[in-house]
Amino acid sequence: MRVELDPNIVVGEGPLVYRPAEDSLLLLASIPLGPGERFLEVGTGTGLVALHAARHGRAVATDANREAVRLARANARRNGLPLDVVLTHIMAGLRGPFDVVAFNPPYLEGPPEDNLDRAWAGGHQGSDVSLRFLADLDRVLAPQGRAYLLLSRANETARQDAEARFRMRIVATKRLFFEELGVLELTRRGP
């Protein structure tokens, strides 16, 4: 079953936290989540995606921004949803396995200058954070698990790394005025 936008879920926003936008909604609409599957959202921001997943089962979210962690926890309480929110960089210190992992990383080229910049400035080619995610994904992903990674067309280095490490297919795309976004579904390669 696809995770769908629920208009009854209220998501508060804050000035120091990435505000859900078209990329967040594209990722949300791309994720199938079955009954009982354990879900992880990396870089949750306001918690939009993780809150919707929490309606279906056990959900965990991470963020490196303390304000985002506070806000996502407050949004979970406001909506009466069971969501564990962890302050950590990407997936450091988390134990898997997770059946479904989702990440809308910073994908624009350039170095971050502050916490809010970290939400969209992804370093060289916008791929640095995605590459760190991909390097650690195998550790937390369940054997039959799936990961959903949102990338811009400019993130060629991250796309190549994803294809080298995992079985990959594009499950959704969206053209914006200055870029094209795609959601990659990543699964383990067979023996």
Foldseek 3Di string as FASTA:
>chain_A
DAQAQDPVQDFDADPLFDDDDPLNRQQSRQDDDDAPFEEEEEQCGSVRNQQSVQVRYHYEYEHQDPVSQVNNVVSCVVSVGDYHYYNDQGQPPDAAAGQEYEYEAQAPDDDADDSSSRRHHLYHLSCNSLVVNLVCVVRHYDQFHKYKYKYWPSNVVSVVSQVVAFPWDWRDWDDDPPTIMTIIITHGDDD
